[in-house]
Amino acid sequence: MSSDMQWLDWVKRIQAIAQTGLTYSKDVYDLERFEELRELSIEMLANYTNVSREKIKLHFGSETGYATPKVDIRGVVFKEGKILLVREKADNAWALPGGWADIGHSPSEIAVKEIEEESGYITVPKRILAVMDKKFHDHPPEQYHVYKIFIECQIVAGQPNGGVETSEVAFFDRDRLPELSLERNTVKQIQTMFQFLDDPSKTVILD
């Protein structure tokens, strides 16, 4: 993480300490202190971003249990030397199909489910390509600590069709990528996925 974004790392750590403390502490005074820490993390995040305090509290300051990173699963599908991308309705930019991991589903099940829901293609999982920590890559800053898992899948059926969250489906050449949804994937990450197409024996990437 760059030095000018160090504050975001501190905010996440403060929130994690507060959340874990609120989960396991029994002493009423400790609970008050941890609640104060959580409020401080919300105030800091609201001050340094354009996100409203209410929205931050709803999504960032209301989680319970031991604080752990979130997991984002991305499906990687190649066809005739091109990569499958979907246009996100949220920002009208393109991304590998995927989303947050769901309780009760394995990573490969999530990849297959997201690909079908967002692109219309039915696939089978082949292999894990990369596990990346979002903070090491050129994504816009966000409040969560996120691990990204990229899973290669192979088309077995289906037709291209947008979903609830996507409006278009297409395959793109590595040299003609569209505007990407940087919150979800970066140009460097997409180019890295093509390295696995070029070299099937390439070692899994781990941050």
N, C-alpha and C. Protein backbone atom coordinates (compact mmCIF):
# COMPACT_ATOMS: atom_id res chain seq x y z
N MET A 1 0.84 -1.19 0.00
CA MET A 1 0.00 0.00 0.00
C MET A 1 0.87 1.24 0.00
N SER A 2 0.53 2.23 -0.85
CA SER A 2 1.33 3.45 -0.93
C SER A 2 1.21 4.22 0.37
N SER A 3 2.23 5.05 0.64
CA SER A 3 2.27 5.78 1.90
C SER A 3 1.09 6.74 2.04
N ASP A 4 0.60 7.30 0.91
CA ASP A 4 -0.50 8.24 1.01
C ASP A 4 -1.83 7.56 1.31
N MET A 5 -1.86 6.23 1.24
CA MET A 5 -3.07 5.48 1.58
C MET A 5 -2.92 4.71 2.89
N GLN A 6 -1.87 5.00 3.63
CA GLN A 6 -1.62 4.29 4.88
C GLN A 6 -2.78 4.48 5.86
N TRP A 7 -3.43 5.65 5.80
CA TRP A 7 -4.55 5.91 6.70
C TRP A 7 -5.65 4.87 6.55
N LEU A 8 -5.87 4.38 5.31
CA LEU A 8 -6.93 3.42 5.07
C LEU A 8 -6.62 2.09 5.75
N ASP A 9 -5.36 1.70 5.72
CA ASP A 9 -4.95 0.48 6.40
C ASP A 9 -5.17 0.62 7.91
N TRP A 10 -4.85 1.80 8.44
CA TRP A 10 -5.06 2.04 9.87
C TRP A 10 -6.55 1.97 10.23
N VAL A 11 -7.38 2.56 9.38
CA VAL A 11 -8.83 2.53 9.63
C VAL A 11 -9.34 1.10 9.68
N LYS A 12 -8.92 0.28 8.72
CA LYS A 12 -9.35 -1.12 8.68
C LYS A 12 -8.91 -1.87 9.92
N ARG A 13 -7.69 -1.61 10.36
CA ARG A 13 -7.18 -2.30 11.55
C ARG A 13 -7.91 -1.87 12.80
N ILE A 14 -8.21 -0.57 12.90
CA ILE A 14 -8.97 -0.08 14.05
C ILE A 14 -10.35 -0.72 14.09
N GLN A 15 -11.00 -0.76 12.92
CA GLN A 15 -12.33 -1.36 12.86
C GLN A 15 -12.28 -2.84 13.21
N ALA A 16 -11.25 -3.55 12.75
CA ALA A 16 -11.12 -4.98 13.04
C ALA A 16 -10.92 -5.22 14.53
N ILE A 17 -10.08 -4.41 15.16
CA ILE A 17 -9.86 -4.53 16.60
C ILE A 17 -11.16 -4.28 17.36
N ALA A 18 -11.89 -3.24 16.94
CA ALA A 18 -13.16 -2.91 17.59
C ALA A 18 -14.18 -4.03 17.43
N GLN A 19 -14.30 -4.54 16.20
CA GLN A 19 -15.28 -5.59 15.93
C GLN A 19 -14.98 -6.85 16.72
N THR A 20 -13.72 -7.25 16.75
CA THR A 20 -13.34 -8.45 17.49
C THR A 20 -13.53 -8.23 18.99
N GLY A 21 -13.17 -7.04 19.48
CA GLY A 21 -13.34 -6.73 20.89
C GLY A 21 -14.80 -6.77 21.30
N LEU A 22 -15.67 -6.22 20.47
CA LEU A 22 -17.11 -6.23 20.77
C LEU A 22 -17.68 -7.64 20.76
N THR A 23 -17.04 -8.53 20.01
CA THR A 23 -17.51 -9.91 19.93
C THR A 23 -17.15 -10.72 21.17
N TYR A 24 -15.93 -10.52 21.68
CA TYR A 24 -15.44 -11.40 22.74
C TYR A 24 -15.37 -10.77 24.14
N SER A 25 -15.43 -9.45 24.23
CA SER A 25 -15.32 -8.81 25.54
C SER A 25 -16.63 -8.94 26.32
N LYS A 26 -16.50 -9.08 27.65
CA LYS A 26 -17.65 -9.17 28.54
C LYS A 26 -17.78 -7.95 29.44
N ASP A 27 -16.65 -7.30 29.68
CA ASP A 27 -16.64 -6.15 30.57
C ASP A 27 -17.34 -4.96 29.91
N VAL A 28 -18.27 -4.34 30.63
CA VAL A 28 -19.07 -3.26 30.06
C VAL A 28 -18.20 -2.06 29.66
N TYR A 29 -17.14 -1.80 30.43
CA TYR A 29 -16.28 -0.67 30.12
C TYR A 29 -15.44 -0.94 28.87
N ASP A 30 -14.98 -2.19 28.74
CA ASP A 30 -14.24 -2.55 27.53
C ASP A 30 -15.15 -2.45 26.30
N LEU A 31 -16.39 -2.88 26.45
CA LEU A 31 -17.34 -2.80 25.34
C LEU A 31 -17.55 -1.35 24.90
N GLU A 32 -17.61 -0.44 25.87
CA GLU A 32 -17.77 0.97 25.55
C GLU A 32 -16.56 1.49 24.78
N ARG A 33 -15.37 1.05 25.19
CA ARG A 33 -14.14 1.51 24.52
C ARG A 33 -14.07 0.97 23.09
N PHE A 34 -14.44 -0.30 22.92
CA PHE A 34 -14.40 -0.87 21.57
C PHE A 34 -15.46 -0.23 20.66
N GLU A 35 -16.61 0.11 21.23
CA GLU A 35 -17.63 0.80 20.45
C GLU A 35 -17.13 2.20 20.04
N GLU A 36 -16.40 2.85 20.95
CA GLU A 36 -15.82 4.14 20.63
C GLU A 36 -14.77 4.03 19.52
N LEU A 37 -13.99 2.96 19.56
CA LEU A 37 -13.02 2.72 18.49
C LEU A 37 -13.71 2.54 17.15
N ARG A 38 -14.81 1.78 17.15
CA ARG A 38 -15.53 1.56 15.89
C ARG A 38 -16.10 2.87 15.36
N GLU A 39 -16.64 3.69 16.24
CA GLU A 39 -17.16 5.00 15.82
C GLU A 39 -16.04 5.87 15.25
N LEU A 40 -14.85 5.77 15.85
CA LEU A 40 -13.70 6.52 15.36
C LEU A 40 -13.33 6.08 13.94
N SER A 41 -13.34 4.78 13.68
CA SER A 41 -13.01 4.28 12.34
C SER A 41 -14.03 4.76 11.31
N ILE A 42 -15.29 4.83 11.71
CA ILE A 42 -16.34 5.30 10.81
C ILE A 42 -16.14 6.79 10.50
N GLU A 43 -15.83 7.57 11.53
CA GLU A 43 -15.60 9.01 11.34
C GLU A 43 -14.41 9.25 10.42
N MET A 44 -13.33 8.49 10.60
CA MET A 44 -12.15 8.65 9.78
C MET A 44 -12.45 8.34 8.32
N LEU A 45 -13.16 7.24 8.09
CA LEU A 45 -13.47 6.83 6.73
C LEU A 45 -14.40 7.85 6.06
N ALA A 46 -15.37 8.36 6.80
CA ALA A 46 -16.28 9.36 6.25
C ALA A 46 -15.54 10.65 5.92
N ASN A 47 -14.55 11.00 6.73
CA ASN A 47 -13.80 12.23 6.54
C ASN A 47 -12.91 12.19 5.30
N TYR A 48 -12.36 11.01 4.99
CA TYR A 48 -11.41 10.89 3.89
C TYR A 48 -12.03 10.39 2.58
N THR A 49 -13.31 10.08 2.59
CA THR A 49 -13.97 9.60 1.37
C THR A 49 -15.24 10.41 1.12
N ASN A 50 -15.90 10.10 0.01
CA ASN A 50 -17.16 10.75 -0.32
C ASN A 50 -18.37 9.92 0.09
N VAL A 51 -18.13 8.86 0.85
CA VAL A 51 -19.20 7.97 1.28
C VAL A 51 -19.83 8.53 2.55
N SER A 52 -21.14 8.50 2.61
CA SER A 52 -21.84 9.06 3.77
C SER A 52 -21.57 8.22 5.02
N ARG A 53 -21.63 8.88 6.16
CA ARG A 53 -21.40 8.21 7.43
C ARG A 53 -22.43 7.10 7.64
N GLU A 54 -23.68 7.34 7.24
CA GLU A 54 -24.74 6.34 7.41
C GLU A 54 -24.46 5.08 6.60
N LYS A 55 -24.00 5.27 5.37
CA LYS A 55 -23.70 4.11 4.52
C LYS A 55 -22.51 3.34 5.06
N ILE A 56 -21.50 4.05 5.53
CA ILE A 56 -20.32 3.39 6.11
C ILE A 56 -20.72 2.58 7.32
N LYS A 57 -21.55 3.17 8.16
CA LYS A 57 -21.97 2.46 9.38
C LYS A 57 -22.79 1.23 9.04
N LEU A 58 -23.60 1.32 7.99
CA LEU A 58 -24.43 0.19 7.58
C LEU A 58 -23.59 -0.97 7.07
N HIS A 59 -22.61 -0.68 6.22
CA HIS A 59 -21.86 -1.74 5.55
C HIS A 59 -20.53 -2.09 6.23
N PHE A 60 -19.91 -1.11 6.86
CA PHE A 60 -18.57 -1.29 7.41
C PHE A 60 -18.58 -1.37 8.93
N GLY A 61 -19.43 -0.58 9.55
CA GLY A 61 -19.42 -0.50 11.00
C GLY A 61 -20.47 -1.32 11.69
N SER A 62 -21.14 -2.21 10.96
CA SER A 62 -22.20 -3.01 11.58
C SER A 62 -21.90 -4.51 11.56
N GLU A 63 -20.72 -4.90 11.07
CA GLU A 63 -20.38 -6.31 11.02
C GLU A 63 -20.08 -6.82 12.42
N THR A 64 -20.34 -8.10 12.61
CA THR A 64 -20.12 -8.71 13.91
C THR A 64 -19.25 -9.95 13.76
N GLY A 65 -18.80 -10.49 14.89
CA GLY A 65 -17.95 -11.68 14.86
C GLY A 65 -16.49 -11.31 14.69
N TYR A 66 -15.65 -12.32 14.68
CA TYR A 66 -14.22 -12.08 14.50
C TYR A 66 -13.98 -11.48 13.12
N ALA A 67 -13.21 -10.40 13.08
CA ALA A 67 -12.99 -9.69 11.81
C ALA A 67 -12.05 -10.47 10.90
N THR A 68 -12.50 -10.78 9.69
CA THR A 68 -11.69 -11.48 8.70
C THR A 68 -11.85 -10.80 7.34
N PRO A 69 -10.91 -11.02 6.41
CA PRO A 69 -11.05 -10.44 5.07
C PRO A 69 -12.27 -10.99 4.34
N LYS A 70 -12.81 -10.19 3.44
CA LYS A 70 -13.85 -10.67 2.53
C LYS A 70 -13.18 -11.39 1.36
N VAL A 71 -13.94 -12.24 0.68
CA VAL A 71 -13.39 -13.02 -0.44
C VAL A 71 -14.19 -12.73 -1.70
N ASP A 72 -13.49 -12.29 -2.73
CA ASP A 72 -14.07 -11.98 -4.03
C ASP A 72 -13.62 -13.06 -5.02
N ILE A 73 -14.58 -13.74 -5.64
CA ILE A 73 -14.27 -14.82 -6.60
C ILE A 73 -14.49 -14.31 -8.02
N ARG A 74 -13.50 -14.51 -8.88
CA ARG A 74 -13.61 -14.11 -10.29
C ARG A 74 -13.41 -15.31 -11.21
N GLY A 75 -14.33 -15.50 -12.15
CA GLY A 75 -14.22 -16.59 -13.11
C GLY A 75 -13.46 -16.14 -14.35
N VAL A 76 -12.50 -16.95 -14.77
CA VAL A 76 -11.67 -16.64 -15.94
C VAL A 76 -11.98 -17.64 -17.04
N VAL A 77 -12.53 -17.15 -18.14
CA VAL A 77 -12.94 -18.03 -19.25
C VAL A 77 -12.29 -17.54 -20.54
N PHE A 78 -11.60 -18.44 -21.22
CA PHE A 78 -10.98 -18.13 -22.50
C PHE A 78 -11.72 -18.83 -23.64
N LYS A 79 -11.73 -18.17 -24.80
CA LYS A 79 -12.32 -18.76 -26.00
C LYS A 79 -11.60 -18.17 -27.21
N GLU A 80 -10.97 -19.04 -27.96
CA GLU A 80 -10.26 -18.63 -29.18
C GLU A 80 -9.27 -17.50 -28.90
N GLY A 81 -8.54 -17.64 -27.81
CA GLY A 81 -7.51 -16.67 -27.47
C GLY A 81 -8.01 -15.38 -26.85
N LYS A 82 -9.29 -15.29 -26.56
CA LYS A 82 -9.86 -14.10 -25.95
C LYS A 82 -10.44 -14.43 -24.57
N ILE A 83 -10.67 -13.38 -23.77
CA ILE A 83 -11.14 -13.56 -22.40
C ILE A 83 -12.56 -13.03 -22.26
N LEU A 84 -13.35 -13.72 -21.45
CA LEU A 84 -14.75 -13.35 -21.23
C LEU A 84 -14.85 -12.21 -20.22
N LEU A 85 -15.56 -11.14 -20.60
CA LEU A 85 -15.84 -10.03 -19.70
C LEU A 85 -17.33 -9.69 -19.77
N VAL A 86 -17.85 -9.13 -18.70
CA VAL A 86 -19.24 -8.70 -18.66
C VAL A 86 -19.28 -7.21 -18.29
N ARG A 87 -20.27 -6.50 -18.85
CA ARG A 87 -20.40 -5.07 -18.53
C ARG A 87 -21.28 -4.91 -17.30
N GLU A 88 -20.72 -4.29 -16.27
CA GLU A 88 -21.42 -4.10 -15.01
C GLU A 88 -22.39 -2.93 -15.10
N LYS A 89 -23.63 -3.15 -14.70
CA LYS A 89 -24.61 -2.06 -14.71
C LYS A 89 -24.23 -0.98 -13.70
N ALA A 90 -23.55 -1.37 -12.64
CA ALA A 90 -23.23 -0.43 -11.57
C ALA A 90 -22.38 0.74 -12.05
N ASP A 91 -21.42 0.48 -12.94
CA ASP A 91 -20.54 1.56 -13.40
C ASP A 91 -20.35 1.57 -14.92
N ASN A 92 -21.07 0.68 -15.62
CA ASN A 92 -21.03 0.61 -17.09
C ASN A 92 -19.65 0.25 -17.62
N ALA A 93 -18.83 -0.37 -16.79
CA ALA A 93 -17.50 -0.81 -17.20
C ALA A 93 -17.46 -2.34 -17.15
N TRP A 94 -16.33 -2.89 -17.61
CA TRP A 94 -16.26 -4.34 -17.83
C TRP A 94 -15.44 -5.05 -16.76
N ALA A 95 -15.81 -6.31 -16.51
CA ALA A 95 -15.12 -7.09 -15.48
C ALA A 95 -15.20 -8.58 -15.76
N LEU A 96 -14.31 -9.32 -15.17
CA LEU A 96 -14.46 -10.78 -15.14
C LEU A 96 -15.71 -11.09 -14.33
N PRO A 97 -16.53 -12.04 -14.77
CA PRO A 97 -17.72 -12.36 -13.98
C PRO A 97 -17.33 -12.85 -12.59
N GLY A 98 -18.09 -12.42 -11.59
CA GLY A 98 -17.76 -12.85 -10.22
C GLY A 98 -18.43 -11.98 -9.18
N GLY A 99 -18.07 -12.23 -7.93
CA GLY A 99 -18.64 -11.47 -6.83
C GLY A 99 -18.20 -12.04 -5.50
N TRP A 100 -18.85 -11.59 -4.42
CA TRP A 100 -18.50 -12.06 -3.09
C TRP A 100 -18.78 -13.55 -2.95
N ALA A 101 -17.93 -14.22 -2.18
CA ALA A 101 -18.16 -15.63 -1.86
C ALA A 101 -19.40 -15.76 -0.98
N ASP A 102 -20.20 -16.77 -1.23
CA ASP A 102 -21.42 -17.02 -0.46
C ASP A 102 -21.22 -18.16 0.52
N ILE A 103 -21.79 -18.03 1.70
CA ILE A 103 -21.76 -19.10 2.68
C ILE A 103 -22.45 -20.34 2.10
N GLY A 104 -21.85 -21.50 2.26
CA GLY A 104 -22.46 -22.75 1.79
C GLY A 104 -21.99 -23.19 0.42
N HIS A 105 -21.18 -22.35 -0.25
CA HIS A 105 -20.67 -22.71 -1.58
C HIS A 105 -19.15 -22.69 -1.57
N SER A 106 -18.55 -23.60 -2.31
CA SER A 106 -17.09 -23.63 -2.45
C SER A 106 -16.66 -22.54 -3.42
N PRO A 107 -15.37 -22.18 -3.43
CA PRO A 107 -14.91 -21.17 -4.41
C PRO A 107 -15.23 -21.53 -5.85
N SER A 108 -15.04 -22.80 -6.23
CA SER A 108 -15.32 -23.18 -7.61
C SER A 108 -16.82 -23.12 -7.92
N GLU A 109 -17.65 -23.46 -6.94
CA GLU A 109 -19.09 -23.36 -7.15
C GLU A 109 -19.51 -21.90 -7.35
N ILE A 110 -18.89 -21.00 -6.59
CA ILE A 110 -19.19 -19.58 -6.75
C ILE A 110 -18.80 -19.10 -8.14
N ALA A 111 -17.61 -19.49 -8.60
CA ALA A 111 -17.15 -19.07 -9.92
C ALA A 111 -18.13 -19.53 -11.00
N VAL A 112 -18.52 -20.79 -10.96
CA VAL A 112 -19.46 -21.34 -11.95
C VAL A 112 -20.80 -20.63 -11.88
N LYS A 113 -21.29 -20.40 -10.67
CA LYS A 113 -22.59 -19.74 -10.48
C LYS A 113 -22.57 -18.31 -11.00
N GLU A 114 -21.51 -17.57 -10.67
CA GLU A 114 -21.42 -16.17 -11.09
C GLU A 114 -21.29 -16.05 -12.61
N ILE A 115 -20.51 -16.94 -13.21
CA ILE A 115 -20.36 -16.92 -14.67
C ILE A 115 -21.71 -17.13 -15.34
N GLU A 116 -22.47 -18.11 -14.87
CA GLU A 116 -23.78 -18.38 -15.48
C GLU A 116 -24.74 -17.22 -15.27
N GLU A 117 -24.79 -16.68 -14.05
CA GLU A 117 -25.73 -15.60 -13.75
C GLU A 117 -25.39 -14.31 -14.49
N GLU A 118 -24.10 -14.04 -14.70
CA GLU A 118 -23.70 -12.76 -15.28
C GLU A 118 -23.45 -12.81 -16.79
N SER A 119 -23.21 -14.03 -17.32
CA SER A 119 -22.89 -14.11 -18.76
C SER A 119 -23.79 -15.06 -19.55
N GLY A 120 -24.48 -15.97 -18.87
CA GLY A 120 -25.31 -16.94 -19.56
C GLY A 120 -24.60 -18.24 -19.89
N TYR A 121 -23.29 -18.28 -19.72
CA TYR A 121 -22.53 -19.49 -20.05
C TYR A 121 -22.50 -20.47 -18.86
N ILE A 122 -22.65 -21.74 -19.19
CA ILE A 122 -22.50 -22.80 -18.20
C ILE A 122 -21.07 -23.34 -18.31
N THR A 123 -20.38 -23.41 -17.18
CA THR A 123 -18.97 -23.79 -17.20
C THR A 123 -18.67 -24.86 -16.15
N VAL A 124 -17.48 -25.40 -16.27
CA VAL A 124 -16.94 -26.29 -15.24
C VAL A 124 -15.59 -25.72 -14.81
N PRO A 125 -15.28 -25.82 -13.52
CA PRO A 125 -14.01 -25.26 -13.04
C PRO A 125 -12.83 -26.12 -13.47
N LYS A 126 -11.71 -25.46 -13.79
CA LYS A 126 -10.49 -26.17 -14.20
C LYS A 126 -9.38 -26.06 -13.16
N ARG A 127 -9.05 -24.84 -12.75
CA ARG A 127 -7.93 -24.66 -11.82
C ARG A 127 -7.93 -23.25 -11.24
N ILE A 128 -7.28 -23.13 -10.11
CA ILE A 128 -7.07 -21.81 -9.50
C ILE A 128 -5.87 -21.18 -10.19
N LEU A 129 -5.99 -19.90 -10.57
CA LEU A 129 -4.91 -19.20 -11.23
C LEU A 129 -4.16 -18.27 -10.26
N ALA A 130 -4.90 -17.62 -9.38
CA ALA A 130 -4.26 -16.64 -8.50
C ALA A 130 -5.11 -16.37 -7.27
N VAL A 131 -4.41 -16.08 -6.17
CA VAL A 131 -5.04 -15.56 -4.96
C VAL A 131 -4.32 -14.25 -4.64
N MET A 132 -5.03 -13.15 -4.76
CA MET A 132 -4.42 -11.83 -4.62
C MET A 132 -5.04 -11.06 -3.46
N ASP A 133 -4.20 -10.30 -2.78
CA ASP A 133 -4.67 -9.37 -1.76
C ASP A 133 -4.92 -8.04 -2.45
N LYS A 134 -6.15 -7.57 -2.40
CA LYS A 134 -6.55 -6.38 -3.17
C LYS A 134 -5.70 -5.16 -2.85
N LYS A 135 -5.16 -5.08 -1.63
CA LYS A 135 -4.41 -3.88 -1.24
C LYS A 135 -3.09 -3.76 -2.00
N PHE A 136 -2.61 -4.86 -2.60
CA PHE A 136 -1.35 -4.82 -3.34
C PHE A 136 -1.53 -4.43 -4.80
N HIS A 137 -2.76 -4.15 -5.22
CA HIS A 137 -3.04 -3.90 -6.62
C HIS A 137 -3.72 -2.54 -6.79
N ASP A 138 -3.79 -2.07 -8.03
CA ASP A 138 -4.21 -0.70 -8.31
C ASP A 138 -5.72 -0.52 -8.37
N HIS A 139 -6.40 -0.99 -7.34
CA HIS A 139 -7.84 -0.77 -7.23
C HIS A 139 -8.11 0.54 -6.50
N PRO A 140 -9.27 1.14 -6.71
CA PRO A 140 -9.63 2.31 -5.90
C PRO A 140 -9.70 1.90 -4.43
N PRO A 141 -9.41 2.80 -3.51
CA PRO A 141 -9.46 2.47 -2.09
C PRO A 141 -10.88 2.09 -1.65
N GLU A 142 -10.97 1.15 -0.74
CA GLU A 142 -12.27 0.78 -0.19
C GLU A 142 -12.11 0.37 1.27
N GLN A 143 -13.24 0.23 1.95
CA GLN A 143 -13.18 0.01 3.39
C GLN A 143 -12.85 -1.42 3.79
N TYR A 144 -13.07 -2.38 2.90
CA TYR A 144 -12.85 -3.78 3.27
C TYR A 144 -11.46 -4.26 2.90
N HIS A 145 -10.98 -5.24 3.67
CA HIS A 145 -9.76 -5.96 3.30
C HIS A 145 -10.23 -7.17 2.49
N VAL A 146 -9.78 -7.28 1.24
CA VAL A 146 -10.35 -8.27 0.31
C VAL A 146 -9.28 -9.18 -0.27
N TYR A 147 -9.55 -10.48 -0.25
CA TYR A 147 -8.77 -11.46 -1.00
C TYR A 147 -9.52 -11.77 -2.28
N LYS A 148 -8.81 -11.78 -3.41
CA LYS A 148 -9.42 -12.08 -4.70
C LYS A 148 -8.91 -13.43 -5.20
N ILE A 149 -9.83 -14.32 -5.54
CA ILE A 149 -9.47 -15.64 -6.06
C ILE A 149 -9.91 -15.74 -7.51
N PHE A 150 -8.95 -16.00 -8.40
CA PHE A 150 -9.23 -16.12 -9.83
C PHE A 150 -9.23 -17.60 -10.21
N ILE A 151 -10.34 -18.07 -10.77
CA ILE A 151 -10.51 -19.49 -11.09
C ILE A 151 -10.82 -19.64 -12.58
N GLU A 152 -10.01 -20.42 -13.27
CA GLU A 152 -10.27 -20.66 -14.69
C GLU A 152 -11.38 -21.68 -14.84
N CYS A 153 -12.32 -21.39 -15.73
CA CYS A 153 -13.43 -22.29 -16.00
C CYS A 153 -13.57 -22.50 -17.50
N GLN A 154 -14.19 -23.61 -17.89
CA GLN A 154 -14.35 -23.97 -19.30
C GLN A 154 -15.83 -24.03 -19.67
N ILE A 155 -16.19 -23.42 -20.78
CA ILE A 155 -17.58 -23.42 -21.23
C ILE A 155 -17.99 -24.81 -21.71
N VAL A 156 -19.17 -25.26 -21.25
CA VAL A 156 -19.70 -26.55 -21.71
C VAL A 156 -21.08 -26.38 -22.35
N ALA A 157 -21.72 -25.23 -22.10
CA ALA A 157 -23.05 -25.00 -22.68
C ALA A 157 -23.42 -23.53 -22.47
N GLY A 158 -24.63 -23.18 -22.92
CA GLY A 158 -25.13 -21.83 -22.68
C GLY A 158 -24.91 -20.88 -23.83
N GLN A 159 -25.56 -19.74 -23.74
CA GLN A 159 -25.46 -18.69 -24.73
C GLN A 159 -25.22 -17.35 -24.02
N PRO A 160 -24.52 -16.40 -24.69
CA PRO A 160 -24.25 -15.11 -24.03
C PRO A 160 -25.55 -14.37 -23.70
N ASN A 161 -25.63 -13.96 -22.44
CA ASN A 161 -26.84 -13.28 -21.99
C ASN A 161 -26.53 -12.52 -20.71
N GLY A 162 -26.81 -11.23 -20.69
CA GLY A 162 -26.60 -10.43 -19.48
C GLY A 162 -27.51 -10.88 -18.36
N GLY A 163 -27.18 -10.45 -17.16
CA GLY A 163 -27.96 -10.84 -15.99
C GLY A 163 -28.52 -9.65 -15.25
N VAL A 164 -28.88 -9.86 -14.00
CA VAL A 164 -29.45 -8.81 -13.17
C VAL A 164 -28.48 -7.65 -12.99
N GLU A 165 -27.19 -7.99 -12.85
CA GLU A 165 -26.17 -6.97 -12.58
C GLU A 165 -25.33 -6.62 -13.80
N THR A 166 -25.57 -7.30 -14.92
CA THR A 166 -24.74 -7.08 -16.12
C THR A 166 -25.63 -6.82 -17.34
N SER A 167 -25.09 -6.01 -18.27
CA SER A 167 -25.89 -5.63 -19.44
C SER A 167 -25.37 -6.20 -20.75
N GLU A 168 -24.08 -6.55 -20.81
CA GLU A 168 -23.49 -7.08 -22.04
C GLU A 168 -22.49 -8.18 -21.71
N VAL A 169 -22.24 -9.02 -22.69
CA VAL A 169 -21.29 -10.13 -22.55
C VAL A 169 -20.44 -10.18 -23.81
N ALA A 170 -19.13 -10.28 -23.68
CA ALA A 170 -18.27 -10.34 -24.88
C ALA A 170 -16.91 -10.93 -24.52
N PHE A 171 -16.21 -11.39 -25.56
CA PHE A 171 -14.84 -11.86 -25.42
C PHE A 171 -13.91 -10.80 -26.00
N PHE A 172 -12.79 -10.57 -25.32
CA PHE A 172 -11.88 -9.51 -25.73
C PHE A 172 -10.45 -10.02 -25.89
N ASP A 173 -9.78 -9.47 -26.91
CA ASP A 173 -8.37 -9.75 -27.11
C ASP A 173 -7.56 -8.99 -26.07
N ARG A 174 -6.40 -9.51 -25.72
CA ARG A 174 -5.57 -8.88 -24.69
C ARG A 174 -5.11 -7.47 -25.07
N ASP A 175 -5.04 -7.18 -26.36
CA ASP A 175 -4.59 -5.87 -26.81
C ASP A 175 -5.74 -4.90 -27.09
N ARG A 176 -6.96 -5.36 -26.87
CA ARG A 176 -8.12 -4.51 -27.14
C ARG A 176 -9.13 -4.62 -26.00
N LEU A 177 -8.65 -4.39 -24.82
CA LEU A 177 -9.53 -4.47 -23.65
C LEU A 177 -10.42 -3.22 -23.58
N PRO A 178 -11.65 -3.36 -23.14
CA PRO A 178 -12.55 -2.21 -22.97
C PRO A 178 -12.22 -1.47 -21.67
N GLU A 179 -12.98 -0.45 -21.36
CA GLU A 179 -12.82 0.24 -20.08
C GLU A 179 -13.20 -0.74 -18.96
N LEU A 180 -12.28 -0.94 -18.04
CA LEU A 180 -12.49 -1.94 -17.00
C LEU A 180 -13.08 -1.33 -15.73
N SER A 181 -13.84 -2.14 -15.03
CA SER A 181 -14.36 -1.76 -13.72
C SER A 181 -13.24 -1.98 -12.71
N LEU A 182 -12.51 -0.93 -12.39
CA LEU A 182 -11.29 -1.07 -11.59
C LEU A 182 -11.57 -1.51 -10.16
N GLU A 183 -12.78 -1.32 -9.70
CA GLU A 183 -13.14 -1.83 -8.38
C GLU A 183 -13.08 -3.36 -8.37
N ARG A 184 -13.31 -3.96 -9.55
CA ARG A 184 -13.39 -5.41 -9.65
C ARG A 184 -12.14 -6.06 -10.24
N ASN A 185 -11.50 -5.41 -11.20
CA ASN A 185 -10.29 -5.96 -11.81
C ASN A 185 -9.50 -4.86 -12.50
N THR A 186 -8.19 -5.07 -12.59
CA THR A 186 -7.31 -4.08 -13.21
C THR A 186 -6.79 -4.62 -14.54
N VAL A 187 -6.23 -3.73 -15.35
CA VAL A 187 -5.64 -4.14 -16.62
C VAL A 187 -4.51 -5.14 -16.38
N LYS A 188 -3.69 -4.87 -15.39
CA LYS A 188 -2.57 -5.77 -15.09
C LYS A 188 -3.07 -7.16 -14.71
N GLN A 189 -4.15 -7.22 -13.95
CA GLN A 189 -4.69 -8.53 -13.57
C GLN A 189 -5.20 -9.29 -14.79
N ILE A 190 -5.89 -8.60 -15.68
CA ILE A 190 -6.39 -9.26 -16.89
C ILE A 190 -5.23 -9.75 -17.74
N GLN A 191 -4.20 -8.93 -17.89
CA GLN A 191 -3.03 -9.35 -18.66
C GLN A 191 -2.35 -10.54 -18.00
N THR A 192 -2.35 -10.57 -16.68
CA THR A 192 -1.77 -11.71 -15.96
C THR A 192 -2.55 -12.98 -16.25
N MET A 193 -3.86 -12.90 -16.37
CA MET A 193 -4.66 -14.08 -16.68
C MET A 193 -4.28 -14.64 -18.05
N PHE A 194 -3.95 -13.77 -19.01
CA PHE A 194 -3.53 -14.24 -20.33
C PHE A 194 -2.22 -15.01 -20.26
N GLN A 195 -1.39 -14.75 -19.27
CA GLN A 195 -0.14 -15.49 -19.10
C GLN A 195 -0.42 -16.97 -18.84
N PHE A 196 -1.54 -17.25 -18.16
CA PHE A 196 -1.91 -18.65 -17.92
C PHE A 196 -2.41 -19.32 -19.20
N LEU A 197 -2.99 -18.53 -20.10
CA LEU A 197 -3.40 -19.08 -21.39
C LEU A 197 -2.17 -19.41 -22.21
N ASP A 198 -1.16 -18.55 -22.17
CA ASP A 198 0.08 -18.76 -22.92
C ASP A 198 0.89 -19.92 -22.36
N ASP A 199 0.86 -20.08 -21.05
CA ASP A 199 1.68 -21.09 -20.38
C ASP A 199 0.82 -21.87 -19.37
N PRO A 200 0.19 -22.98 -19.80
CA PRO A 200 -0.67 -23.77 -18.92
C PRO A 200 0.04 -24.31 -17.68
N SER A 201 1.37 -24.34 -17.72
CA SER A 201 2.11 -24.85 -16.55
C SER A 201 2.52 -23.74 -15.58
N LYS A 202 2.10 -22.52 -15.86
CA LYS A 202 2.44 -21.39 -15.00
C LYS A 202 1.97 -21.64 -13.57
N THR A 203 2.84 -21.30 -12.61
CA THR A 203 2.55 -21.53 -11.21
C THR A 203 1.47 -20.57 -10.72
N VAL A 204 0.62 -21.05 -9.83
CA VAL A 204 -0.42 -20.24 -9.22
C VAL A 204 0.23 -19.01 -8.55
N ILE A 205 -0.39 -17.84 -8.72
CA ILE A 205 0.12 -16.63 -8.13
C ILE A 205 -0.46 -16.44 -6.74
N LEU A 206 0.40 -16.21 -5.77
CA LEU A 206 -0.03 -15.96 -4.39
C LEU A 206 0.61 -14.68 -3.88
N ASP A 207 -0.19 -13.74 -3.45
CA ASP A 207 0.35 -12.52 -2.86
C ASP A 207 0.89 -12.82 -1.46
